[in-house]
N, C-alpha and C. Protein backbone atom coordinates (compact mmCIF):
# COMPACT_ATOMS: atom_id res chain seq x y z
N UNK A 1 58.13 -66.78 105.81
CA UNK A 1 57.13 -66.19 106.77
C UNK A 1 55.89 -66.03 106.22
N UNK A 2 54.76 -66.39 107.17
CA UNK A 2 53.34 -66.04 106.72
C UNK A 2 53.17 -64.49 106.38
N UNK A 3 51.84 -64.01 106.17
CA UNK A 3 51.53 -62.74 106.08
C UNK A 3 51.10 -62.23 107.19
N UNK A 4 50.73 -62.96 108.02
CA UNK A 4 50.12 -62.39 109.36
C UNK A 4 51.67 -62.22 110.17
N UNK A 5 52.51 -63.44 110.13
CA UNK A 5 53.82 -63.12 110.86
C UNK A 5 54.72 -62.01 110.44
N UNK A 6 54.64 -61.92 109.04
CA UNK A 6 55.35 -60.88 108.80
C UNK A 6 54.56 -59.43 109.23
N UNK A 7 53.32 -59.27 109.33
CA UNK A 7 52.83 -58.19 109.69
C UNK A 7 52.85 -57.88 111.09
N UNK A 8 52.83 -58.81 112.02
CA UNK A 8 53.23 -58.89 113.36
C UNK A 8 54.96 -58.47 113.53
N UNK A 9 55.72 -59.16 113.08
CA UNK A 9 56.88 -58.79 112.91
C UNK A 9 57.55 -57.20 112.51
N UNK A 10 56.81 -56.72 111.81
CA UNK A 10 56.72 -55.27 111.40
C UNK A 10 56.12 -54.50 112.35
N UNK A 11 55.36 -54.78 112.96
CA UNK A 11 54.58 -54.00 114.13
C UNK A 11 55.59 -54.21 115.40
N UNK A 12 56.01 -55.37 115.49
CA UNK A 12 57.03 -55.62 116.66
C UNK A 12 58.41 -54.65 116.39
N UNK A 13 59.13 -54.44 115.13
CA UNK A 13 59.94 -53.81 114.97
C UNK A 13 59.68 -52.09 115.31
N UNK A 14 58.45 -52.13 114.88
CA UNK A 14 57.94 -50.68 114.97
C UNK A 14 57.86 -50.05 116.53
N UNK A 15 57.26 -51.15 117.53
CA UNK A 15 57.23 -50.89 118.68
C UNK A 15 58.15 -51.21 119.62
N UNK A 16 58.95 -51.89 119.21
CA UNK A 16 60.65 -52.30 120.06
C UNK A 16 60.14 -53.48 120.89
N UNK A 17 59.98 -54.56 119.93
CA UNK A 17 59.40 -55.89 120.75
C UNK A 17 60.53 -56.99 119.91
N UNK A 18 61.70 -56.97 120.35
CA UNK A 18 62.87 -57.64 119.76
C UNK A 18 62.49 -59.17 119.77
N UNK A 19 62.14 -59.77 120.95
CA UNK A 19 62.03 -60.98 120.74
C UNK A 19 60.95 -61.62 119.80
N UNK A 20 59.92 -61.05 119.84
CA UNK A 20 58.89 -61.44 118.81
C UNK A 20 59.31 -61.26 117.42
N UNK A 21 59.91 -60.25 117.24
CA UNK A 21 60.62 -59.89 115.86
C UNK A 21 61.62 -61.24 115.37
N UNK A 22 62.25 -61.73 116.59
CA UNK A 22 63.42 -62.63 116.23
C UNK A 22 62.68 -63.92 115.87
N UNK A 23 61.81 -64.18 116.70
CA UNK A 23 61.03 -65.53 116.43
C UNK A 23 60.18 -65.47 115.22
N UNK A 24 59.69 -64.46 115.02
CA UNK A 24 58.89 -64.55 113.58
C UNK A 24 59.69 -64.47 112.34
N UNK A 25 60.68 -63.96 112.75
CA UNK A 25 61.74 -64.12 111.60
C UNK A 25 62.75 -65.14 111.45
N UNK A 26 62.34 -66.21 112.37
CA UNK A 26 62.91 -67.55 112.39
C UNK A 26 64.37 -67.34 112.71
N UNK A 27 64.76 -66.70 113.45
CA UNK A 27 66.42 -66.70 114.09
C UNK A 27 66.39 -67.25 115.19
N UNK A 28 65.54 -68.24 115.73
CA UNK A 28 65.93 -68.94 116.56
C UNK A 28 65.76 -70.38 115.55
N UNK A 29 66.01 -70.44 114.63
CA UNK A 29 65.98 -71.77 113.71
C UNK A 29 64.77 -72.37 113.14
N UNK A 30 64.91 -73.35 112.20
CA UNK A 30 63.79 -73.63 111.54
C UNK A 30 62.89 -74.32 112.60
N UNK A 31 63.14 -74.84 113.29
CA UNK A 31 62.33 -75.57 114.25
C UNK A 31 61.31 -74.75 115.39
N UNK A 32 61.67 -73.30 115.21
CA UNK A 32 60.87 -72.74 116.00
C UNK A 32 59.44 -72.21 115.49
N UNK A 33 58.96 -73.08 114.38
CA UNK A 33 57.70 -72.71 113.80
C UNK A 33 56.57 -72.81 114.83
N UNK A 34 56.73 -73.93 115.92
CA UNK A 34 55.74 -74.05 116.99
C UNK A 34 55.67 -72.87 117.63
N UNK A 35 56.61 -72.20 118.04
CA UNK A 35 56.86 -70.93 118.95
C UNK A 35 56.41 -69.85 118.04
N UNK A 36 56.50 -69.70 116.98
CA UNK A 36 56.01 -68.65 115.95
C UNK A 36 54.53 -68.73 116.19
N UNK A 37 54.08 -69.91 115.87
CA UNK A 37 52.59 -70.19 116.01
C UNK A 37 52.04 -69.65 116.97
N UNK A 38 52.75 -70.00 118.36
CA UNK A 38 52.15 -70.02 119.74
C UNK A 38 52.12 -68.37 119.77
N UNK A 39 53.24 -67.35 119.38
CA UNK A 39 53.54 -66.09 119.27
C UNK A 39 52.27 -65.46 118.55
N UNK A 40 51.93 -65.90 117.59
CA UNK A 40 50.84 -65.06 116.56
C UNK A 40 49.24 -65.74 117.34
N UNK A 41 49.22 -66.55 117.88
CA UNK A 41 47.91 -66.84 118.51
C UNK A 41 47.62 -66.03 120.10
N UNK A 42 49.03 -65.70 120.46
CA UNK A 42 49.05 -65.24 121.84
C UNK A 42 48.62 -63.47 121.43
N UNK A 43 49.34 -63.35 120.33
CA UNK A 43 48.76 -61.75 119.95
C UNK A 43 47.54 -61.57 119.53
N UNK A 44 46.84 -62.83 118.70
CA UNK A 44 45.41 -62.76 118.61
C UNK A 44 44.91 -62.69 119.66
N UNK A 45 45.07 -63.39 120.77
CA UNK A 45 44.35 -63.51 122.12
C UNK A 45 44.36 -62.13 122.58
N UNK A 46 45.59 -61.41 122.95
CA UNK A 46 45.56 -60.03 123.25
C UNK A 46 44.69 -59.28 122.62
N UNK A 47 44.74 -59.23 121.14
CA UNK A 47 43.93 -58.54 120.43
C UNK A 47 42.33 -58.50 120.32
N UNK A 48 41.84 -59.89 121.03
CA UNK A 48 40.69 -60.15 120.78
C UNK A 48 40.24 -60.56 119.72
N UNK A 49 40.96 -61.22 119.06
CA UNK A 49 40.46 -61.72 117.27
C UNK A 49 41.28 -62.85 117.15
N UNK A 50 40.46 -63.44 116.15
CA UNK A 50 41.36 -65.06 115.42
C UNK A 50 42.76 -64.43 114.95
N UNK A 51 43.54 -65.47 114.73
CA UNK A 51 44.85 -64.86 113.98
C UNK A 51 44.76 -64.46 112.48
N UNK A 52 43.54 -64.91 111.87
CA UNK A 52 43.72 -64.81 110.77
C UNK A 52 42.80 -63.29 110.40
N UNK A 53 42.07 -62.98 111.58
CA UNK A 53 41.86 -61.37 111.39
C UNK A 53 42.72 -60.29 111.94
N UNK A 54 43.88 -60.69 112.04
CA UNK A 54 45.11 -59.68 112.69
C UNK A 54 44.97 -58.42 111.55
N UNK A 55 45.16 -59.20 110.37
CA UNK A 55 45.77 -58.12 109.57
C UNK A 55 44.52 -56.96 109.32
N UNK A 56 43.26 -57.19 109.42
CA UNK A 56 41.88 -56.22 109.24
C UNK A 56 42.06 -55.59 110.84
N UNK A 57 42.91 -55.58 111.74
CA UNK A 57 42.72 -55.11 113.01
C UNK A 57 43.28 -53.36 113.17
N UNK A 58 42.54 -52.62 114.18
CA UNK A 58 43.11 -51.24 113.97
C UNK A 58 44.68 -51.19 114.39
N UNK A 59 45.62 -50.71 113.79
CA UNK A 59 47.26 -50.73 114.10
C UNK A 59 47.28 -50.38 115.72
N UNK A 60 46.43 -49.19 116.20
CA UNK A 60 46.79 -49.41 117.54
C UNK A 60 46.47 -50.48 118.50
N UNK A 61 45.36 -51.08 118.10
CA UNK A 61 45.28 -52.35 118.89
C UNK A 61 46.12 -53.52 118.66
N UNK A 62 46.68 -53.53 117.48
CA UNK A 62 47.70 -54.84 117.32
C UNK A 62 49.03 -54.30 117.74
N UNK A 63 49.30 -52.89 118.08
CA UNK A 63 50.52 -52.47 118.84
C UNK A 63 50.33 -52.97 120.04
N UNK A 64 49.39 -52.66 120.84
CA UNK A 64 48.99 -53.05 122.16
C UNK A 64 49.13 -54.32 122.63
N UNK A 65 48.65 -55.20 121.44
CA UNK A 65 48.27 -57.02 121.69
C UNK A 65 49.98 -57.11 121.57
N UNK A 66 51.09 -56.75 120.28
CA UNK A 66 52.16 -57.13 120.53
C UNK A 66 53.18 -56.74 121.83
N UNK A 67 52.97 -55.46 122.30
CA UNK A 67 53.46 -54.90 123.44
C UNK A 67 53.21 -56.03 124.72
N UNK A 68 52.08 -56.26 124.96
CA UNK A 68 51.55 -57.25 126.07
C UNK A 68 52.22 -58.70 125.95
N UNK A 69 52.12 -59.21 124.37
CA UNK A 69 52.92 -60.47 123.99
C UNK A 69 54.59 -60.38 124.45
N UNK A 70 55.19 -59.43 124.15
CA UNK A 70 56.55 -59.18 124.33
C UNK A 70 56.67 -59.16 125.81
N UNK A 71 56.09 -58.75 126.62
CA UNK A 71 56.05 -58.90 128.17
C UNK A 71 55.91 -60.21 128.37
N UNK A 72 55.01 -61.14 127.53
CA UNK A 72 55.04 -62.70 127.97
C UNK A 72 56.22 -63.34 127.31
N UNK A 73 56.54 -63.23 126.65
CA UNK A 73 57.88 -63.75 125.60
C UNK A 73 58.76 -64.51 126.56
N UNK A 74 59.44 -64.02 127.88
CA UNK A 74 60.00 -64.89 128.49
C UNK A 74 59.56 -66.34 128.80
N UNK A 75 58.03 -65.97 129.33
CA UNK A 75 57.39 -67.32 129.36
C UNK A 75 57.15 -68.06 128.47
N UNK A 76 56.78 -67.71 127.14
CA UNK A 76 56.63 -68.30 126.23
C UNK A 76 57.69 -69.07 125.35
N UNK A 77 59.12 -68.65 125.80
CA UNK A 77 60.13 -69.14 125.35
C UNK A 77 60.73 -70.55 126.36
N UNK A 78 60.24 -70.02 127.59
CA UNK A 78 60.61 -71.11 128.67
C UNK A 78 59.72 -72.34 128.31
N UNK A 79 58.53 -72.12 127.98
CA UNK A 79 57.35 -73.31 128.01
C UNK A 79 58.07 -74.12 126.63
N UNK A 80 58.46 -73.19 125.87
CA UNK A 80 59.00 -73.81 124.51
C UNK A 80 60.14 -74.60 124.61
N UNK A 81 61.14 -74.17 125.52
CA UNK A 81 62.20 -74.89 125.82
C UNK A 81 62.15 -75.79 126.66
N UNK A 82 61.04 -76.08 127.34
CA UNK A 82 60.69 -77.15 128.44
C UNK A 82 60.04 -78.44 127.45
N UNK A 83 59.54 -77.79 126.29
CA UNK A 83 58.83 -79.11 125.64
C UNK A 83 59.93 -79.54 124.66
N UNK A 84 61.08 -79.00 124.48
CA UNK A 84 61.97 -79.31 123.51
C UNK A 84 62.88 -80.49 124.27
N UNK A 85 63.17 -79.80 125.71
CA UNK A 85 63.60 -80.67 126.75
C UNK A 85 62.88 -81.94 127.17
N UNK A 86 61.64 -81.92 126.99
CA UNK A 86 60.72 -83.07 127.36
C UNK A 86 60.87 -84.05 125.72
N UNK A 87 60.95 -83.46 124.55
CA UNK A 87 61.13 -84.44 123.52
C UNK A 87 62.55 -84.94 123.47
N UNK A 88 63.42 -84.19 123.89
CA UNK A 88 64.79 -84.82 124.14
C UNK A 88 65.04 -85.80 125.14
N UNK A 89 64.29 -85.58 126.12
CA UNK A 89 64.57 -86.67 127.14
C UNK A 89 63.64 -88.07 126.91
N UNK A 90 62.66 -87.72 126.30
CA UNK A 90 61.62 -89.01 125.63
C UNK A 90 62.68 -89.78 124.72
N UNK A 91 63.38 -88.97 123.66
CA UNK A 91 64.25 -89.55 123.02
C UNK A 91 65.41 -90.38 123.37
N UNK A 92 66.12 -89.67 124.74
CA UNK A 92 67.16 -90.35 125.35
C UNK A 92 66.61 -91.81 125.86
N UNK A 93 65.51 -91.63 126.56
CA UNK A 93 64.90 -92.52 127.26
C UNK A 93 64.49 -94.10 126.55
N UNK A 94 63.97 -93.60 124.89
CA UNK A 94 63.95 -94.72 124.33
C UNK A 94 65.26 -95.36 123.68
N UNK A 95 66.24 -94.57 123.79
CA UNK A 95 67.54 -94.88 123.31
C UNK A 95 68.05 -95.94 124.34
N UNK A 96 68.11 -95.71 125.76
CA UNK A 96 68.35 -96.17 126.65
C UNK A 96 67.43 -97.61 127.01
N UNK A 97 66.27 -97.41 126.46
CA UNK A 97 65.25 -98.61 126.64
C UNK A 97 66.04 -99.85 125.78
N UNK A 98 66.59 -99.47 124.90
CA UNK A 98 67.05 -100.66 123.69
C UNK A 98 65.97 -100.76 122.69
N UNK A 99 66.41 -101.45 121.84
CA UNK A 99 65.71 -101.72 120.54
C UNK A 99 64.37 -102.28 120.76
N UNK A 100 64.45 -103.42 121.51
CA UNK A 100 63.25 -104.32 121.40
C UNK A 100 62.41 -103.72 122.60
N UNK A 101 62.86 -102.85 123.39
CA UNK A 101 61.58 -102.38 124.32
C UNK A 101 61.04 -100.94 124.03
N UNK A 102 61.48 -100.50 122.99
CA UNK A 102 60.89 -99.43 122.25
C UNK A 102 60.36 -99.85 120.93
N UNK A 103 60.29 -101.07 120.61
CA UNK A 103 60.22 -101.34 119.00
C UNK A 103 58.62 -101.26 118.75
N UNK A 104 57.96 -101.21 119.57
CA UNK A 104 56.35 -101.09 119.50
C UNK A 104 56.10 -99.84 118.82
N UNK A 105 56.65 -98.52 119.39
CA UNK A 105 56.41 -97.64 118.68
C UNK A 105 56.93 -97.26 117.01
N UNK A 106 57.70 -97.85 116.59
CA UNK A 106 58.15 -98.06 115.61
C UNK A 106 57.40 -99.04 114.70
N UNK A 107 57.03 -100.16 115.26
CA UNK A 107 56.44 -101.27 114.64
C UNK A 107 55.12 -100.66 114.44
N UNK A 108 54.48 -100.15 115.16
CA UNK A 108 52.98 -99.66 114.78
C UNK A 108 53.00 -98.44 113.67
N UNK A 109 54.14 -97.72 113.59
CA UNK A 109 54.15 -96.76 112.74
C UNK A 109 54.34 -97.33 111.00
N UNK A 110 55.08 -98.19 111.05
CA UNK A 110 55.23 -99.00 109.82
C UNK A 110 54.04 -99.87 109.55
N UNK A 111 53.51 -100.38 110.60
CA UNK A 111 52.22 -101.28 110.55
C UNK A 111 51.14 -100.43 109.97
N UNK A 112 50.94 -99.26 110.58
CA UNK A 112 50.01 -98.45 110.00
C UNK A 112 50.16 -98.10 108.65
N UNK A 113 51.34 -97.77 108.33
CA UNK A 113 51.74 -97.30 106.89
C UNK A 113 51.56 -98.45 105.89
N UNK A 114 51.61 -99.82 106.06
CA UNK A 114 51.13 -100.62 105.35
C UNK A 114 50.14 -101.09 105.25
N UNK A 115 49.32 -100.76 106.33
CA UNK A 115 47.81 -100.91 106.07
C UNK A 115 47.18 -99.54 105.27
N UNK A 116 47.87 -98.44 105.59
CA UNK A 116 47.15 -97.34 104.56
C UNK A 116 47.82 -97.60 103.16
N UNK A 117 48.76 -98.00 102.79
CA UNK A 117 49.25 -98.18 101.33
C UNK A 117 48.58 -99.48 101.00
N UNK A 118 48.20 -100.48 101.59
CA UNK A 118 47.34 -101.52 101.14
C UNK A 118 46.05 -101.11 100.93
N UNK A 119 45.46 -100.55 101.60
CA UNK A 119 43.85 -100.15 101.58
C UNK A 119 43.79 -99.03 100.65
N UNK A 120 44.74 -98.21 100.49
CA UNK A 120 44.44 -97.11 99.44
C UNK A 120 44.90 -97.44 97.91
N UNK A 121 46.16 -98.16 97.93
CA UNK A 121 46.66 -98.19 96.67
C UNK A 121 46.95 -99.60 95.94
N UNK A 122 46.99 -100.58 97.01
CA UNK A 122 47.43 -101.97 96.54
C UNK A 122 46.28 -102.54 96.23
N UNK A 123 45.24 -102.70 97.44
CA UNK A 123 43.82 -103.57 97.27
C UNK A 123 43.01 -103.31 96.06
N UNK A 124 43.10 -101.79 95.87
CA UNK A 124 41.72 -101.24 94.89
C UNK A 124 42.44 -101.76 93.51
N UNK A 125 43.72 -101.75 93.17
CA UNK A 125 44.45 -102.17 92.02
C UNK A 125 44.42 -103.53 92.07
N UNK A 126 44.30 -104.79 92.76
CA UNK A 126 44.02 -105.95 92.81
C UNK A 126 42.52 -106.30 92.89
N UNK A 127 41.83 -105.56 93.46
CA UNK A 127 40.30 -105.79 93.15
C UNK A 127 39.70 -105.61 91.81
N UNK A 128 40.25 -104.09 91.23
CA UNK A 128 39.83 -104.12 89.87
C UNK A 128 40.41 -105.34 88.70
N UNK A 129 41.62 -105.88 89.08
CA UNK A 129 41.81 -106.84 88.18
C UNK A 129 41.32 -108.11 88.56
N UNK A 130 41.17 -108.48 89.30
CA UNK A 130 40.31 -109.69 89.98
C UNK A 130 38.71 -109.79 89.59
N UNK A 131 38.15 -108.42 89.98
CA UNK A 131 36.88 -107.97 89.35
C UNK A 131 36.56 -108.23 88.07
N UNK A 132 37.50 -107.54 87.25
CA UNK A 132 37.43 -107.79 85.75
C UNK A 132 37.60 -109.34 85.14
N UNK A 133 38.28 -109.80 85.81
CA UNK A 133 38.24 -111.45 85.54
C UNK A 133 37.09 -112.42 86.05
N UNK A 134 36.01 -111.86 86.64
CA UNK A 134 35.16 -112.26 87.19
C UNK A 134 35.37 -113.03 88.59
N UNK A 135 36.43 -113.03 89.26
CA UNK A 135 36.83 -113.63 90.43
C UNK A 135 35.98 -112.80 91.70
N UNK A 136 36.38 -113.33 92.99
CA UNK A 136 35.90 -112.91 94.12
C UNK A 136 37.00 -112.03 94.93
N UNK A 137 36.08 -110.72 95.04
CA UNK A 137 37.32 -109.90 95.62
C UNK A 137 37.35 -109.55 96.77
N UNK A 138 38.72 -109.14 97.08
CA UNK A 138 39.38 -109.45 98.64
C UNK A 138 38.61 -108.22 99.28
N UNK A 139 38.33 -108.65 100.59
CA UNK A 139 37.36 -107.70 101.66
C UNK A 139 38.90 -106.65 102.34
N UNK A 140 38.31 -105.52 102.08
CA UNK A 140 39.42 -104.64 102.63
C UNK A 140 39.01 -104.13 103.87
N UNK A 141 39.51 -103.31 104.65
CA UNK A 141 39.28 -102.76 105.84
C UNK A 141 38.75 -101.49 105.82
N UNK A 142 37.65 -100.94 106.27
CA UNK A 142 36.89 -99.98 106.43
C UNK A 142 37.65 -98.62 106.59
N UNK A 143 37.57 -97.50 105.71
CA UNK A 143 38.37 -96.28 105.93
C UNK A 143 38.43 -95.92 107.54
N UNK A 144 37.18 -96.07 108.04
CA UNK A 144 37.02 -95.52 109.60
C UNK A 144 37.63 -96.26 110.62
N UNK A 145 37.63 -97.46 110.22
CA UNK A 145 38.29 -98.48 111.20
C UNK A 145 39.63 -98.11 110.86
N UNK A 146 40.35 -98.25 109.89
CA UNK A 146 41.55 -97.67 109.91
C UNK A 146 42.09 -96.25 110.22
N UNK A 147 41.11 -95.40 110.25
CA UNK A 147 41.50 -94.14 110.88
C UNK A 147 41.19 -94.06 112.63
N UNK A 148 40.28 -95.14 112.68
CA UNK A 148 40.50 -95.16 114.50
C UNK A 148 41.72 -95.83 114.91
N UNK A 149 42.16 -96.59 114.42
CA UNK A 149 43.23 -97.15 114.78
C UNK A 149 44.48 -96.34 114.61
N UNK A 150 44.54 -95.39 113.69
CA UNK A 150 45.57 -94.24 113.55
C UNK A 150 45.57 -93.41 114.60
N UNK A 151 44.06 -93.16 114.90
CA UNK A 151 43.80 -91.86 115.74
C UNK A 151 44.33 -92.51 117.46
N UNK A 152 43.94 -93.81 117.54
CA UNK A 152 44.60 -94.35 118.62
C UNK A 152 45.93 -94.39 118.79
N UNK A 153 46.71 -94.73 118.00
CA UNK A 153 48.16 -94.88 118.01
C UNK A 153 48.45 -93.14 118.31
N UNK A 154 48.28 -92.27 117.45
CA UNK A 154 48.50 -91.15 117.46
C UNK A 154 48.11 -90.28 118.98
N UNK A 155 47.18 -90.88 119.67
CA UNK A 155 46.97 -90.38 120.84
C UNK A 155 47.96 -91.12 121.86
N UNK A 156 48.42 -92.16 122.03
CA UNK A 156 49.19 -93.09 122.78
C UNK A 156 50.89 -92.47 122.51
N UNK A 157 51.13 -92.46 121.63
CA UNK A 157 52.53 -92.21 120.96
C UNK A 157 52.76 -90.77 120.77
N UNK A 158 52.20 -90.14 119.88
CA UNK A 158 52.45 -88.65 119.59
C UNK A 158 51.79 -87.36 120.96
N UNK A 159 50.99 -88.13 121.70
CA UNK A 159 50.24 -87.29 122.56
C UNK A 159 48.46 -86.81 122.37
N UNK A 160 48.24 -86.53 122.91
CA UNK A 160 46.66 -86.15 122.84
C UNK A 160 46.39 -84.83 121.72
N UNK A 161 47.46 -83.90 122.14
CA UNK A 161 47.49 -82.73 121.02
C UNK A 161 47.13 -83.03 119.71
N UNK A 162 47.93 -84.29 119.00
CA UNK A 162 47.76 -84.56 117.75
C UNK A 162 46.78 -84.67 117.26
N UNK A 163 45.95 -85.66 118.37
CA UNK A 163 44.62 -85.90 117.95
C UNK A 163 43.89 -84.64 117.74
N UNK A 164 43.90 -84.02 118.78
CA UNK A 164 42.85 -82.39 119.00
C UNK A 164 43.28 -82.05 117.78
N UNK A 165 44.54 -81.37 117.51
CA UNK A 165 44.71 -80.97 116.68
C UNK A 165 44.42 -81.06 115.21
N UNK A 166 44.37 -82.58 115.03
CA UNK A 166 43.37 -82.97 113.64
C UNK A 166 42.14 -82.89 113.77
N UNK A 167 41.45 -83.14 114.95
CA UNK A 167 39.89 -83.17 114.96
C UNK A 167 39.62 -81.52 114.82
N UNK A 168 40.52 -80.60 115.45
CA UNK A 168 40.20 -79.19 115.26
C UNK A 168 40.45 -78.46 113.83
N UNK A 169 41.37 -79.31 113.13
CA UNK A 169 41.70 -78.95 111.64
C UNK A 169 40.78 -79.53 110.81
N UNK A 170 39.90 -80.54 110.78
CA UNK A 170 39.03 -81.34 110.36
C UNK A 170 37.65 -80.41 110.57
N UNK A 171 37.38 -80.08 111.62
CA UNK A 171 36.03 -79.15 112.06
C UNK A 171 36.03 -77.94 111.24
N UNK A 172 37.47 -77.18 111.58
CA UNK A 172 37.52 -75.73 110.83
C UNK A 172 37.37 -75.74 109.35
N UNK A 173 37.95 -77.23 108.69
CA UNK A 173 37.57 -77.25 107.34
C UNK A 173 36.10 -77.32 107.00
N UNK A 174 35.21 -78.21 107.61
CA UNK A 174 33.95 -78.32 107.45
C UNK A 174 33.22 -77.18 107.61
N UNK A 175 33.77 -76.39 108.73
CA UNK A 175 33.14 -75.06 108.78
C UNK A 175 33.20 -74.12 108.05
N UNK A 176 34.38 -73.94 107.44
CA UNK A 176 34.95 -73.02 106.35
C UNK A 176 34.19 -73.53 105.28
N UNK A 177 34.21 -74.73 104.63
CA UNK A 177 33.45 -75.15 103.67
C UNK A 177 31.94 -74.77 103.49
N UNK A 178 31.33 -74.99 104.75
CA UNK A 178 29.85 -74.75 105.11
C UNK A 178 29.63 -73.01 104.76
N UNK A 179 30.38 -72.35 105.03
CA UNK A 179 30.22 -71.15 105.09
C UNK A 179 30.36 -70.51 103.44
N UNK A 180 31.12 -71.10 102.65
CA UNK A 180 31.18 -70.87 101.36
C UNK A 180 29.73 -71.26 100.16
N UNK A 181 29.34 -72.37 101.12
CA UNK A 181 28.07 -72.97 100.51
C UNK A 181 26.70 -72.09 100.29
């Protein structure tokens, strides 16, 4: 459990918020990580802070945010359950379609993996060997083009949230690095 999750679980135990405590202690299973993340973000929203700032909050404000989030827990669990049911329905429909009708998804995953392995590992080694012998180097795909193809696949197959989260994480990393400079 993360430090923030531990703090919120402690406050949840103190104020009598059993659902939050159970989610953050992963008593819903290992797959409940997304639900725990949602709970932490919801507590942060109610507290009017970023999740990383929760440990520095006034304990009374944090207790109020946990109590408000506990009141929302049935809705959050229902949304989480609906998401799991949607994933399961997608898996079942892919199974019903048969191998060849759903092959494009797996084919693209493996093709992109081959492209990335070729571009990052194999092509540089081959080019280094060819270049040291005076030969003509093999043209490689630009990394930006490869990332664009990968992003398109992630948007189509994994849903837009994957691309959105990737972009948000990159922007957060750049902003944090900028603050340190």
